Amino acid sequence: MTLVYDRTESLLLGMLMHGSLTATVLIMTPSVTGVALLAYGLSFAAGTWPVIGLLRRQPVTAGDRRRPDAPHAPA
């Protein structure tokens, strides 16, 4: 969401992304507790973070709308 906001500066788009993610997590989370819920959470994170890492490695194009005064993330 931060990456999208940095590139588009659209608060509405960030809010829509947050709402859809929250709704998906609430709908798709299994109704389990204890160790099973912990295992689900860890496997979800293990699947999500590599995707985020791959998306973050994409080069910033010359046409992105990042504010010139915004700090750039280290490569």
N, C-alpha and C. Protein backbone atom coordinates (compact mmCIF):
# COMPACT_ATOMS: atom_id res chain seq x y z
N MET A 1 0.82 -1.19 0.00
CA MET A 1 0.00 0.00 0.00
C MET A 1 0.86 1.25 0.00
N THR A 2 1.96 1.20 0.73
CA THR A 2 2.85 2.35 0.77
C THR A 2 3.48 2.59 -0.59
N LEU A 3 3.87 1.52 -1.26
CA LEU A 3 4.46 1.63 -2.59
C LEU A 3 3.47 2.27 -3.56
N VAL A 4 2.23 1.84 -3.51
CA VAL A 4 1.21 2.40 -4.41
C VAL A 4 0.98 3.88 -4.08
N TYR A 5 0.91 4.21 -2.79
CA TYR A 5 0.71 5.61 -2.42
C TYR A 5 1.90 6.47 -2.86
N ASP A 6 3.12 5.96 -2.67
CA ASP A 6 4.30 6.72 -3.09
C ASP A 6 4.29 7.00 -4.58
N ARG A 7 3.80 6.06 -5.34
CA ARG A 7 3.82 6.23 -6.80
C ARG A 7 2.63 6.98 -7.35
N THR A 8 1.48 6.91 -6.65
CA THR A 8 0.28 7.55 -7.18
C THR A 8 -0.20 8.75 -6.36
N GLU A 9 0.20 8.81 -5.10
CA GLU A 9 -0.27 9.83 -4.15
C GLU A 9 -1.78 9.83 -4.03
N SER A 10 -2.41 8.68 -4.22
CA SER A 10 -3.85 8.57 -4.13
C SER A 10 -4.23 7.91 -2.80
N LEU A 11 -4.79 8.72 -1.89
CA LEU A 11 -5.22 8.19 -0.61
C LEU A 11 -6.41 7.24 -0.80
N LEU A 12 -7.30 7.55 -1.73
CA LEU A 12 -8.45 6.70 -1.99
C LEU A 12 -8.01 5.30 -2.42
N LEU A 13 -7.02 5.21 -3.28
CA LEU A 13 -6.54 3.91 -3.73
C LEU A 13 -5.95 3.12 -2.56
N GLY A 14 -5.21 3.79 -1.70
CA GLY A 14 -4.68 3.13 -0.51
C GLY A 14 -5.77 2.63 0.41
N MET A 15 -6.82 3.43 0.58
CA MET A 15 -7.94 3.02 1.43
C MET A 15 -8.67 1.83 0.83
N LEU A 16 -8.86 1.82 -0.48
CA LEU A 16 -9.51 0.68 -1.13
C LEU A 16 -8.67 -0.59 -1.01
N MET A 17 -7.36 -0.46 -1.14
CA MET A 17 -6.49 -1.62 -0.98
C MET A 17 -6.55 -2.14 0.45
N HIS A 18 -6.53 -1.25 1.43
CA HIS A 18 -6.59 -1.67 2.82
C HIS A 18 -7.92 -2.36 3.12
N GLY A 19 -9.01 -1.78 2.64
CA GLY A 19 -10.33 -2.38 2.87
C GLY A 19 -10.46 -3.76 2.25
N SER A 20 -9.95 -3.93 1.04
CA SER A 20 -10.06 -5.23 0.39
C SER A 20 -9.16 -6.26 1.07
N LEU A 21 -7.98 -5.85 1.52
CA LEU A 21 -7.11 -6.78 2.23
C LEU A 21 -7.72 -7.20 3.56
N THR A 22 -8.26 -6.24 4.30
CA THR A 22 -8.88 -6.56 5.58
C THR A 22 -10.08 -7.49 5.40
N ALA A 23 -10.92 -7.20 4.43
CA ALA A 23 -12.08 -8.05 4.18
C ALA A 23 -11.66 -9.46 3.77
N THR A 24 -10.65 -9.55 2.92
CA THR A 24 -10.17 -10.86 2.48
C THR A 24 -9.63 -11.67 3.65
N VAL A 25 -8.86 -11.03 4.51
CA VAL A 25 -8.31 -11.73 5.67
C VAL A 25 -9.43 -12.20 6.58
N LEU A 26 -10.43 -11.36 6.81
CA LEU A 26 -11.54 -11.76 7.68
C LEU A 26 -12.35 -12.91 7.08
N ILE A 27 -12.54 -12.88 5.77
CA ILE A 27 -13.35 -13.92 5.11
C ILE A 27 -12.58 -15.22 4.97
N MET A 28 -11.30 -15.12 4.62
CA MET A 28 -10.53 -16.32 4.30
C MET A 28 -9.83 -16.98 5.49
N THR A 29 -9.76 -16.31 6.63
CA THR A 29 -9.09 -16.90 7.79
C THR A 29 -9.91 -18.06 8.31
N PRO A 30 -9.28 -19.21 8.49
CA PRO A 30 -10.02 -20.36 9.00
C PRO A 30 -10.43 -20.14 10.45
N SER A 31 -11.52 -20.77 10.84
CA SER A 31 -12.00 -20.62 12.21
C SER A 31 -11.32 -21.65 13.10
N VAL A 32 -10.05 -21.43 13.35
CA VAL A 32 -9.26 -22.31 14.21
C VAL A 32 -8.59 -21.45 15.27
N THR A 33 -8.08 -22.09 16.30
CA THR A 33 -7.39 -21.38 17.37
C THR A 33 -6.10 -22.11 17.70
N GLY A 34 -5.30 -21.49 18.51
CA GLY A 34 -4.10 -22.14 19.01
C GLY A 34 -3.02 -22.33 17.98
N VAL A 35 -2.42 -23.51 18.00
CA VAL A 35 -1.28 -23.81 17.13
C VAL A 35 -1.69 -23.79 15.65
N ALA A 36 -2.88 -24.24 15.34
CA ALA A 36 -3.33 -24.24 13.94
C ALA A 36 -3.42 -22.81 13.40
N LEU A 37 -3.91 -21.88 14.22
CA LEU A 37 -3.99 -20.48 13.80
C LEU A 37 -2.59 -19.89 13.64
N LEU A 38 -1.69 -20.24 14.53
CA LEU A 38 -0.30 -19.78 14.42
C LEU A 38 0.34 -20.31 13.13
N ALA A 39 0.12 -21.58 12.84
CA ALA A 39 0.66 -22.17 11.62
C ALA A 39 0.09 -21.48 10.38
N TYR A 40 -1.21 -21.17 10.41
CA TYR A 40 -1.83 -20.47 9.28
C TYR A 40 -1.20 -19.09 9.10
N GLY A 41 -1.05 -18.35 10.20
CA GLY A 41 -0.48 -17.02 10.12
C GLY A 41 0.95 -17.02 9.60
N LEU A 42 1.75 -17.97 10.08
CA LEU A 42 3.13 -18.06 9.62
C LEU A 42 3.22 -18.46 8.15
N SER A 43 2.38 -19.38 7.72
CA SER A 43 2.41 -19.78 6.31
C SER A 43 1.90 -18.66 5.41
N PHE A 44 0.92 -17.89 5.88
CA PHE A 44 0.43 -16.76 5.11
C PHE A 44 1.54 -15.72 4.94
N ALA A 45 2.25 -15.43 6.03
CA ALA A 45 3.35 -14.47 5.96
C ALA A 45 4.48 -15.00 5.08
N ALA A 46 4.76 -16.29 5.18
CA ALA A 46 5.83 -16.89 4.37
C ALA A 46 5.50 -16.81 2.89
N GLY A 47 4.23 -16.82 2.54
CA GLY A 47 3.84 -16.70 1.15
C GLY A 47 3.72 -15.26 0.68
N THR A 48 3.40 -14.35 1.60
CA THR A 48 3.18 -12.95 1.23
C THR A 48 4.47 -12.16 1.10
N TRP A 49 5.40 -12.31 2.04
CA TRP A 49 6.60 -11.49 2.04
C TRP A 49 7.49 -11.69 0.82
N PRO A 50 7.64 -12.90 0.28
CA PRO A 50 8.42 -13.01 -0.96
C PRO A 50 7.80 -12.24 -2.13
N VAL A 51 6.49 -12.23 -2.20
CA VAL A 51 5.81 -11.48 -3.27
C VAL A 51 6.08 -9.98 -3.09
N ILE A 52 5.99 -9.51 -1.86
CA ILE A 52 6.27 -8.10 -1.58
C ILE A 52 7.72 -7.77 -1.95
N GLY A 53 8.63 -8.66 -1.60
CA GLY A 53 10.03 -8.45 -1.94
C GLY A 53 10.26 -8.37 -3.43
N LEU A 54 9.60 -9.23 -4.18
CA LEU A 54 9.75 -9.19 -5.64
C LEU A 54 9.18 -7.91 -6.22
N LEU A 55 8.04 -7.48 -5.72
CA LEU A 55 7.45 -6.24 -6.21
C LEU A 55 8.32 -5.04 -5.86
N ARG A 56 8.91 -5.07 -4.70
CA ARG A 56 9.74 -3.94 -4.27
C ARG A 56 11.03 -3.84 -5.08
N ARG A 57 11.49 -4.94 -5.62
CA ARG A 57 12.72 -4.93 -6.40
C ARG A 57 12.52 -4.37 -7.80
N GLN A 58 11.27 -4.17 -8.22
CA GLN A 58 11.02 -3.62 -9.54
C GLN A 58 11.61 -2.22 -9.61
N PRO A 59 12.31 -1.89 -10.70
CA PRO A 59 12.91 -0.56 -10.80
C PRO A 59 11.84 0.51 -10.93
N VAL A 60 12.13 1.67 -10.37
CA VAL A 60 11.23 2.80 -10.47
C VAL A 60 11.39 3.39 -11.86
N THR A 61 10.28 3.54 -12.57
CA THR A 61 10.34 4.07 -13.93
C THR A 61 10.44 5.59 -13.92
N ALA A 62 10.87 6.14 -15.02
CA ALA A 62 11.02 7.60 -15.12
C ALA A 62 9.67 8.30 -15.05
N GLY A 63 8.60 7.60 -15.36
CA GLY A 63 7.28 8.23 -15.39
C GLY A 63 6.51 8.12 -14.09
N ASP A 64 7.12 7.61 -13.02
CA ASP A 64 6.34 7.50 -11.79
C ASP A 64 6.14 8.89 -11.19
N ARG A 65 5.13 9.02 -10.35
CA ARG A 65 4.74 10.33 -9.84
C ARG A 65 5.26 10.57 -8.43
N ARG A 66 6.36 9.97 -8.07
CA ARG A 66 6.92 10.15 -6.74
C ARG A 66 7.29 11.61 -6.54
N ARG A 67 6.98 12.11 -5.35
CA ARG A 67 7.31 13.50 -5.05
C ARG A 67 8.83 13.65 -5.04
N PRO A 68 9.34 14.72 -5.64
CA PRO A 68 10.79 14.91 -5.68
C PRO A 68 11.41 15.08 -4.30
N ASP A 69 10.64 15.57 -3.33
CA ASP A 69 11.19 15.78 -1.99
C ASP A 69 11.05 14.56 -1.11
N ALA A 70 10.42 13.49 -1.60
CA ALA A 70 10.25 12.27 -0.80
C ALA A 70 11.57 11.53 -0.70
N PRO A 71 11.87 10.99 0.49
CA PRO A 71 13.12 10.24 0.62
C PRO A 71 13.04 8.95 -0.17
N HIS A 72 14.13 8.57 -0.78
CA HIS A 72 14.18 7.36 -1.56
C HIS A 72 14.69 6.23 -0.70
N ALA A 73 14.10 5.06 -0.87
CA ALA A 73 14.53 3.88 -0.12
C ALA A 73 15.89 3.44 -0.62
N PRO A 74 16.74 2.98 0.29
CA PRO A 74 18.04 2.48 -0.17
C PRO A 74 17.89 1.24 -1.03
N ALA A 75 18.74 1.11 -1.99
CA ALA A 75 18.65 -0.02 -2.93
C ALA A 75 19.19 -1.28 -2.33
